[in-house]
Amino acid sequence: MKRSAILILFLSLAGAPYVFTSELVTPAQAQDACARALMMAGETRGRFGQPNEERQKRMLEEECQNLRLEDKNRQLLAQNRIAARSAWNGMRQPVRECIDKKLEYDGRSVEQLISAGIPPSDEAIKDYRVQCVMALPQ
């Protein structure tokens, strides 16, 4: 199940919203928290009794938009990781082991590339891939 950070709203002494992330919840619950926080922002007044709803709503909307973007980025990375793992698993084992050994000289590994969503076809490791394919018997 996809998880996301929930937003919790607090009002500072100046009446400005303070939003931070807490326990992990589903994206639907995070969106509900954003909606509740936006409603609460419309009900508050500034320190000197001056309305500041629009400023608070803008800040909360930006925070909620950031949360949505982070969720999309996490989903994209997860999809890239799945595709990368599938591509790496589809390689001949000797070629993969050769690339892994070459990556070790750079302080990297195939598993790190998979975690970053980088498939074996990526240009960053093209030279290693070509060298390893050419060095092994067909």
N, C-alpha and C. Protein backbone atom coordinates (compact mmCIF):
# COMPACT_ATOMS: atom_id res chain seq x y z
N MET A 1 0.84 -1.18 0.00
CA MET A 1 0.00 0.00 0.00
C MET A 1 0.89 1.24 0.00
N LYS A 2 0.55 2.20 -0.82
CA LYS A 2 1.28 3.46 -0.91
C LYS A 2 1.08 4.23 0.39
N ARG A 3 2.16 4.78 0.92
CA ARG A 3 2.08 5.54 2.17
C ARG A 3 2.52 6.98 1.91
N SER A 4 2.04 7.88 2.74
CA SER A 4 2.38 9.28 2.61
C SER A 4 2.38 9.90 4.01
N ALA A 5 3.02 11.04 4.14
CA ALA A 5 3.06 11.70 5.44
C ALA A 5 1.81 12.55 5.62
N ILE A 6 1.23 12.52 6.81
CA ILE A 6 0.03 13.31 7.09
C ILE A 6 0.46 14.72 7.50
N LEU A 7 -0.36 15.69 7.17
CA LEU A 7 -0.10 17.07 7.54
C LEU A 7 -0.88 17.40 8.80
N ILE A 8 -0.25 18.08 9.70
CA ILE A 8 -0.92 18.51 10.92
C ILE A 8 -0.73 20.02 11.02
N LEU A 9 -1.81 20.71 11.33
CA LEU A 9 -1.79 22.16 11.36
C LEU A 9 -1.72 22.66 12.80
N PHE A 10 -0.82 23.58 13.04
CA PHE A 10 -0.77 24.31 14.29
C PHE A 10 -0.72 25.78 13.94
N LEU A 11 -1.23 26.62 14.78
CA LEU A 11 -1.15 28.05 14.56
C LEU A 11 -0.12 28.63 15.51
N SER A 12 0.80 29.39 14.95
CA SER A 12 1.80 30.04 15.80
C SER A 12 1.14 31.21 16.52
N LEU A 13 1.88 31.86 17.41
CA LEU A 13 1.33 33.01 18.13
C LEU A 13 0.94 34.13 17.18
N ALA A 14 1.61 34.21 16.04
CA ALA A 14 1.30 35.26 15.07
C ALA A 14 0.10 34.88 14.20
N GLY A 15 -0.45 33.69 14.41
CA GLY A 15 -1.61 33.28 13.63
C GLY A 15 -1.26 32.59 12.33
N ALA A 16 0.03 32.43 12.03
CA ALA A 16 0.44 31.78 10.78
C ALA A 16 0.39 30.27 10.96
N PRO A 17 -0.01 29.57 9.92
CA PRO A 17 -0.07 28.11 10.05
C PRO A 17 1.33 27.51 10.08
N TYR A 18 1.47 26.50 10.86
CA TYR A 18 2.71 25.74 10.92
C TYR A 18 2.34 24.30 10.60
N VAL A 19 2.89 23.77 9.52
CA VAL A 19 2.53 22.44 9.07
C VAL A 19 3.76 21.55 9.18
N PHE A 20 3.58 20.37 9.72
CA PHE A 20 4.69 19.42 9.76
C PHE A 20 4.16 18.03 9.51
N THR A 21 5.06 17.13 9.19
CA THR A 21 4.65 15.76 8.89
C THR A 21 4.77 14.92 10.15
N SER A 22 3.90 13.95 10.25
CA SER A 22 3.88 13.09 11.42
C SER A 22 3.84 11.64 10.95
N GLU A 23 2.94 10.86 11.52
CA GLU A 23 2.87 9.43 11.21
C GLU A 23 2.51 9.21 9.74
N LEU A 24 2.86 8.04 9.23
CA LEU A 24 2.57 7.72 7.85
C LEU A 24 1.14 7.23 7.70
N VAL A 25 0.48 7.73 6.66
CA VAL A 25 -0.89 7.35 6.36
C VAL A 25 -1.01 7.17 4.85
N THR A 26 -2.20 6.80 4.40
CA THR A 26 -2.42 6.65 2.97
C THR A 26 -2.52 8.03 2.32
N PRO A 27 -2.32 8.12 0.99
CA PRO A 27 -2.47 9.41 0.31
C PRO A 27 -3.86 10.01 0.48
N ALA A 28 -4.90 9.17 0.53
CA ALA A 28 -6.27 9.69 0.72
C ALA A 28 -6.39 10.37 2.08
N GLN A 29 -5.80 9.78 3.11
CA GLN A 29 -5.84 10.39 4.44
C GLN A 29 -5.03 11.69 4.45
N ALA A 30 -3.93 11.72 3.73
CA ALA A 30 -3.12 12.95 3.67
C ALA A 30 -3.91 14.06 2.97
N GLN A 31 -4.63 13.71 1.89
CA GLN A 31 -5.45 14.71 1.20
C GLN A 31 -6.57 15.21 2.11
N ASP A 32 -7.15 14.32 2.90
CA ASP A 32 -8.20 14.71 3.84
C ASP A 32 -7.62 15.66 4.89
N ALA A 33 -6.40 15.37 5.34
CA ALA A 33 -5.75 16.26 6.32
C ALA A 33 -5.50 17.63 5.70
N CYS A 34 -5.12 17.67 4.43
CA CYS A 34 -4.92 18.95 3.75
C CYS A 34 -6.23 19.73 3.70
N ALA A 35 -7.31 19.05 3.35
CA ALA A 35 -8.61 19.72 3.26
C ALA A 35 -9.03 20.27 4.62
N ARG A 36 -8.84 19.47 5.67
CA ARG A 36 -9.20 19.95 7.03
C ARG A 36 -8.33 21.13 7.43
N ALA A 37 -7.04 21.07 7.11
CA ALA A 37 -6.14 22.17 7.47
C ALA A 37 -6.55 23.44 6.72
N LEU A 38 -6.94 23.31 5.45
CA LEU A 38 -7.38 24.48 4.69
C LEU A 38 -8.67 25.06 5.27
N MET A 39 -9.57 24.20 5.73
CA MET A 39 -10.80 24.69 6.37
C MET A 39 -10.45 25.45 7.65
N MET A 40 -9.55 24.87 8.44
CA MET A 40 -9.16 25.52 9.71
C MET A 40 -8.50 26.86 9.44
N ALA A 41 -7.73 26.96 8.39
CA ALA A 41 -7.05 28.22 8.09
C ALA A 41 -8.05 29.32 7.81
N GLY A 42 -9.19 28.98 7.24
CA GLY A 42 -10.22 29.98 6.96
C GLY A 42 -10.92 30.48 8.20
N GLU A 43 -10.78 29.75 9.31
CA GLU A 43 -11.48 30.12 10.54
C GLU A 43 -10.62 30.94 11.50
N THR A 44 -9.34 31.12 11.20
CA THR A 44 -8.45 31.79 12.14
C THR A 44 -8.33 33.28 11.86
N ARG A 45 -7.87 33.99 12.84
CA ARG A 45 -7.62 35.43 12.72
C ARG A 45 -6.19 35.70 13.17
N GLY A 46 -5.62 36.80 12.68
CA GLY A 46 -4.25 37.17 13.04
C GLY A 46 -4.14 37.59 14.49
N ARG A 47 -2.92 37.85 14.93
CA ARG A 47 -2.65 38.20 16.32
C ARG A 47 -3.43 39.44 16.76
N PHE A 48 -3.57 40.41 15.85
CA PHE A 48 -4.23 41.65 16.20
C PHE A 48 -5.66 41.70 15.70
N GLY A 49 -6.26 40.50 15.48
CA GLY A 49 -7.64 40.43 15.04
C GLY A 49 -7.83 40.70 13.56
N GLN A 50 -6.72 40.79 12.80
CA GLN A 50 -6.84 41.06 11.36
C GLN A 50 -6.98 39.74 10.61
N PRO A 51 -7.89 39.69 9.65
CA PRO A 51 -8.03 38.44 8.88
C PRO A 51 -6.75 38.14 8.09
N ASN A 52 -6.35 36.93 8.15
CA ASN A 52 -5.19 36.52 7.34
C ASN A 52 -5.44 35.17 6.68
N GLU A 53 -6.72 34.91 6.39
CA GLU A 53 -7.10 33.61 5.83
C GLU A 53 -6.43 33.32 4.50
N GLU A 54 -6.37 34.31 3.63
CA GLU A 54 -5.81 34.08 2.30
C GLU A 54 -4.34 33.69 2.37
N ARG A 55 -3.59 34.38 3.21
CA ARG A 55 -2.16 34.06 3.36
C ARG A 55 -2.00 32.64 3.90
N GLN A 56 -2.80 32.31 4.90
CA GLN A 56 -2.72 30.97 5.49
C GLN A 56 -3.13 29.90 4.48
N LYS A 57 -4.20 30.18 3.76
CA LYS A 57 -4.65 29.20 2.77
C LYS A 57 -3.58 28.99 1.69
N ARG A 58 -2.95 30.07 1.25
CA ARG A 58 -1.88 29.94 0.25
C ARG A 58 -0.75 29.07 0.76
N MET A 59 -0.35 29.32 2.01
CA MET A 59 0.74 28.54 2.59
C MET A 59 0.36 27.06 2.68
N LEU A 60 -0.87 26.80 3.13
CA LEU A 60 -1.32 25.41 3.26
C LEU A 60 -1.49 24.75 1.90
N GLU A 61 -2.01 25.50 0.93
CA GLU A 61 -2.16 24.94 -0.41
C GLU A 61 -0.79 24.57 -0.99
N GLU A 62 0.21 25.42 -0.76
CA GLU A 62 1.57 25.11 -1.22
C GLU A 62 2.09 23.85 -0.53
N GLU A 63 1.84 23.74 0.75
CA GLU A 63 2.30 22.56 1.51
C GLU A 63 1.60 21.30 0.98
N CYS A 64 0.30 21.40 0.73
CA CYS A 64 -0.44 20.25 0.19
C CYS A 64 0.04 19.91 -1.22
N GLN A 65 0.31 20.92 -2.02
CA GLN A 65 0.83 20.68 -3.38
C GLN A 65 2.19 20.00 -3.31
N ASN A 66 3.03 20.43 -2.38
CA ASN A 66 4.34 19.78 -2.20
C ASN A 66 4.17 18.32 -1.82
N LEU A 67 3.20 18.05 -0.97
CA LEU A 67 2.94 16.67 -0.57
C LEU A 67 2.50 15.83 -1.77
N ARG A 68 1.62 16.39 -2.61
CA ARG A 68 1.19 15.66 -3.80
C ARG A 68 2.35 15.40 -4.74
N LEU A 69 3.22 16.38 -4.91
CA LEU A 69 4.39 16.19 -5.78
C LEU A 69 5.33 15.13 -5.22
N GLU A 70 5.53 15.15 -3.91
CA GLU A 70 6.38 14.14 -3.28
C GLU A 70 5.79 12.75 -3.48
N ASP A 71 4.47 12.63 -3.35
CA ASP A 71 3.80 11.33 -3.57
C ASP A 71 4.02 10.87 -5.01
N LYS A 72 3.86 11.78 -5.97
CA LYS A 72 4.06 11.41 -7.37
C LYS A 72 5.50 10.99 -7.62
N ASN A 73 6.44 11.71 -7.02
CA ASN A 73 7.86 11.36 -7.19
C ASN A 73 8.17 10.00 -6.58
N ARG A 74 7.58 9.71 -5.41
CA ARG A 74 7.79 8.40 -4.79
C ARG A 74 7.20 7.29 -5.65
N GLN A 75 6.02 7.54 -6.21
CA GLN A 75 5.40 6.54 -7.08
C GLN A 75 6.25 6.30 -8.32
N LEU A 76 6.76 7.37 -8.91
CA LEU A 76 7.60 7.24 -10.10
C LEU A 76 8.88 6.48 -9.78
N LEU A 77 9.50 6.79 -8.65
CA LEU A 77 10.72 6.08 -8.26
C LEU A 77 10.44 4.61 -8.04
N ALA A 78 9.31 4.29 -7.40
CA ALA A 78 8.95 2.89 -7.16
C ALA A 78 8.76 2.16 -8.49
N GLN A 79 8.10 2.81 -9.44
CA GLN A 79 7.91 2.20 -10.76
C GLN A 79 9.26 2.00 -11.46
N ASN A 80 10.13 3.00 -11.36
CA ASN A 80 11.45 2.89 -11.98
C ASN A 80 12.27 1.78 -11.34
N ARG A 81 12.15 1.62 -10.03
CA ARG A 81 12.87 0.55 -9.34
C ARG A 81 12.39 -0.82 -9.82
N ILE A 82 11.09 -0.97 -9.97
CA ILE A 82 10.53 -2.25 -10.43
C ILE A 82 11.03 -2.54 -11.84
N ALA A 83 10.97 -1.54 -12.71
CA ALA A 83 11.43 -1.73 -14.09
C ALA A 83 12.93 -2.01 -14.13
N ALA A 84 13.71 -1.31 -13.30
CA ALA A 84 15.16 -1.53 -13.27
C ALA A 84 15.48 -2.93 -12.78
N ARG A 85 14.82 -3.36 -11.71
CA ARG A 85 15.09 -4.71 -11.19
C ARG A 85 14.76 -5.77 -12.24
N SER A 86 13.65 -5.58 -12.91
CA SER A 86 13.26 -6.52 -13.96
C SER A 86 14.30 -6.56 -15.07
N ALA A 87 14.78 -5.40 -15.49
CA ALA A 87 15.80 -5.33 -16.55
C ALA A 87 17.11 -5.96 -16.10
N TRP A 88 17.53 -5.68 -14.87
CA TRP A 88 18.77 -6.27 -14.36
C TRP A 88 18.63 -7.78 -14.23
N ASN A 89 17.47 -8.25 -13.77
CA ASN A 89 17.26 -9.69 -13.63
C ASN A 89 17.20 -10.39 -14.98
N GLY A 90 16.87 -9.65 -16.03
CA GLY A 90 16.80 -10.21 -17.37
C GLY A 90 18.16 -10.34 -18.05
N MET A 91 19.18 -9.75 -17.44
CA MET A 91 20.53 -9.83 -18.02
C MET A 91 21.15 -11.19 -17.75
N ARG A 92 22.08 -11.56 -18.62
CA ARG A 92 22.84 -12.78 -18.35
C ARG A 92 23.64 -12.56 -17.06
N GLN A 93 23.66 -13.55 -16.21
CA GLN A 93 24.30 -13.44 -14.90
C GLN A 93 25.79 -13.05 -15.00
N PRO A 94 26.59 -13.64 -15.90
CA PRO A 94 28.00 -13.25 -15.97
C PRO A 94 28.19 -11.77 -16.33
N VAL A 95 27.32 -11.25 -17.20
CA VAL A 95 27.42 -9.83 -17.58
C VAL A 95 27.09 -8.95 -16.37
N ARG A 96 26.04 -9.32 -15.67
CA ARG A 96 25.64 -8.54 -14.47
C ARG A 96 26.76 -8.56 -13.43
N GLU A 97 27.36 -9.73 -13.19
CA GLU A 97 28.44 -9.83 -12.22
C GLU A 97 29.65 -9.00 -12.65
N CYS A 98 29.96 -9.01 -13.93
CA CYS A 98 31.07 -8.20 -14.45
C CYS A 98 30.81 -6.71 -14.23
N ILE A 99 29.59 -6.26 -14.55
CA ILE A 99 29.24 -4.85 -14.35
C ILE A 99 29.32 -4.50 -12.86
N ASP A 100 28.85 -5.40 -12.01
CA ASP A 100 28.88 -5.16 -10.57
C ASP A 100 30.32 -4.99 -10.09
N LYS A 101 31.23 -5.82 -10.59
CA LYS A 101 32.65 -5.71 -10.21
C LYS A 101 33.23 -4.38 -10.67
N LYS A 102 32.89 -3.95 -11.88
CA LYS A 102 33.40 -2.67 -12.38
C LYS A 102 32.83 -1.51 -11.57
N LEU A 103 31.59 -1.64 -11.17
CA LEU A 103 30.96 -0.59 -10.36
C LEU A 103 31.62 -0.48 -8.99
N GLU A 104 32.09 -1.59 -8.45
CA GLU A 104 32.74 -1.59 -7.14
C GLU A 104 33.94 -0.67 -7.11
N TYR A 105 34.65 -0.56 -8.24
CA TYR A 105 35.80 0.35 -8.31
C TYR A 105 35.38 1.81 -8.12
N ASP A 106 34.14 2.11 -8.47
CA ASP A 106 33.61 3.46 -8.30
C ASP A 106 32.88 3.63 -6.97
N GLY A 107 32.85 2.55 -6.16
CA GLY A 107 32.14 2.62 -4.89
C GLY A 107 30.64 2.46 -5.05
N ARG A 108 30.22 1.84 -6.15
CA ARG A 108 28.80 1.63 -6.40
C ARG A 108 28.54 0.14 -6.58
N SER A 109 27.26 -0.21 -6.74
CA SER A 109 26.89 -1.60 -6.98
C SER A 109 25.62 -1.63 -7.82
N VAL A 110 25.33 -2.79 -8.36
CA VAL A 110 24.10 -2.96 -9.13
C VAL A 110 22.89 -2.70 -8.23
N GLU A 111 22.93 -3.17 -6.99
CA GLU A 111 21.80 -2.94 -6.08
C GLU A 111 21.57 -1.45 -5.84
N GLN A 112 22.63 -0.66 -5.76
CA GLN A 112 22.45 0.79 -5.60
C GLN A 112 21.80 1.40 -6.84
N LEU A 113 22.20 0.91 -8.01
CA LEU A 113 21.58 1.41 -9.24
C LEU A 113 20.10 1.05 -9.28
N ILE A 114 19.78 -0.17 -8.88
CA ILE A 114 18.37 -0.59 -8.84
C ILE A 114 17.59 0.29 -7.87
N SER A 115 18.16 0.58 -6.70
CA SER A 115 17.49 1.43 -5.72
C SER A 115 17.25 2.83 -6.25
N ALA A 116 18.12 3.27 -7.17
CA ALA A 116 17.96 4.59 -7.78
C ALA A 116 17.08 4.52 -9.03
N GLY A 117 16.63 3.31 -9.39
CA GLY A 117 15.78 3.15 -10.55
C GLY A 117 16.53 3.19 -11.87
N ILE A 118 17.83 2.85 -11.84
CA ILE A 118 18.66 2.92 -13.04
C ILE A 118 18.76 1.54 -13.67
N PRO A 119 18.28 1.39 -14.90
CA PRO A 119 18.33 0.09 -15.59
C PRO A 119 19.71 -0.13 -16.22
N PRO A 120 19.99 -1.34 -16.65
CA PRO A 120 21.29 -1.61 -17.27
C PRO A 120 21.48 -0.90 -18.61
N SER A 121 20.41 -0.43 -19.21
CA SER A 121 20.51 0.28 -20.49
C SER A 121 20.88 1.75 -20.34
N ASP A 122 20.99 2.23 -19.11
CA ASP A 122 21.28 3.64 -18.85
C ASP A 122 22.64 4.03 -19.41
N GLU A 123 22.71 5.24 -19.95
CA GLU A 123 23.96 5.75 -20.54
C GLU A 123 25.10 5.86 -19.52
N ALA A 124 24.76 6.02 -18.26
CA ALA A 124 25.80 6.19 -17.22
C ALA A 124 26.69 4.96 -17.10
N ILE A 125 26.18 3.79 -17.45
CA ILE A 125 26.99 2.57 -17.33
C ILE A 125 27.18 1.88 -18.68
N LYS A 126 26.93 2.61 -19.74
CA LYS A 126 27.04 2.05 -21.09
C LYS A 126 28.42 1.43 -21.33
N ASP A 127 29.48 2.15 -20.95
CA ASP A 127 30.84 1.65 -21.19
C ASP A 127 31.07 0.32 -20.46
N TYR A 128 30.64 0.23 -19.21
CA TYR A 128 30.79 -1.01 -18.45
C TYR A 128 30.03 -2.15 -19.12
N ARG A 129 28.82 -1.85 -19.53
CA ARG A 129 27.98 -2.88 -20.16
C ARG A 129 28.64 -3.40 -21.44
N VAL A 130 29.12 -2.49 -22.28
CA VAL A 130 29.76 -2.89 -23.54
C VAL A 130 31.02 -3.70 -23.26
N GLN A 131 31.85 -3.24 -22.32
CA GLN A 131 33.08 -3.96 -21.98
C GLN A 131 32.76 -5.37 -21.51
N CYS A 132 31.77 -5.51 -20.65
CA CYS A 132 31.44 -6.81 -20.07
C CYS A 132 30.84 -7.76 -21.11
N VAL A 133 30.01 -7.25 -21.98
CA VAL A 133 29.42 -8.08 -23.04
C VAL A 133 30.51 -8.57 -23.99
N MET A 134 31.43 -7.66 -24.34
CA MET A 134 32.50 -8.02 -25.27
C MET A 134 33.50 -9.00 -24.64
N ALA A 135 33.71 -8.89 -23.34
CA ALA A 135 34.72 -9.73 -22.68
C ALA A 135 34.25 -11.16 -22.45
N LEU A 136 32.97 -11.37 -22.42
CA LEU A 136 32.45 -12.71 -22.14
C LEU A 136 32.15 -13.45 -23.44
N PRO A 137 32.38 -14.76 -23.43
CA PRO A 137 32.08 -15.56 -24.62
C PRO A 137 30.57 -15.59 -24.87
N GLN A 138 30.22 -15.60 -26.14
CA GLN A 138 28.80 -15.65 -26.52
C GLN A 138 28.33 -17.03 -26.31
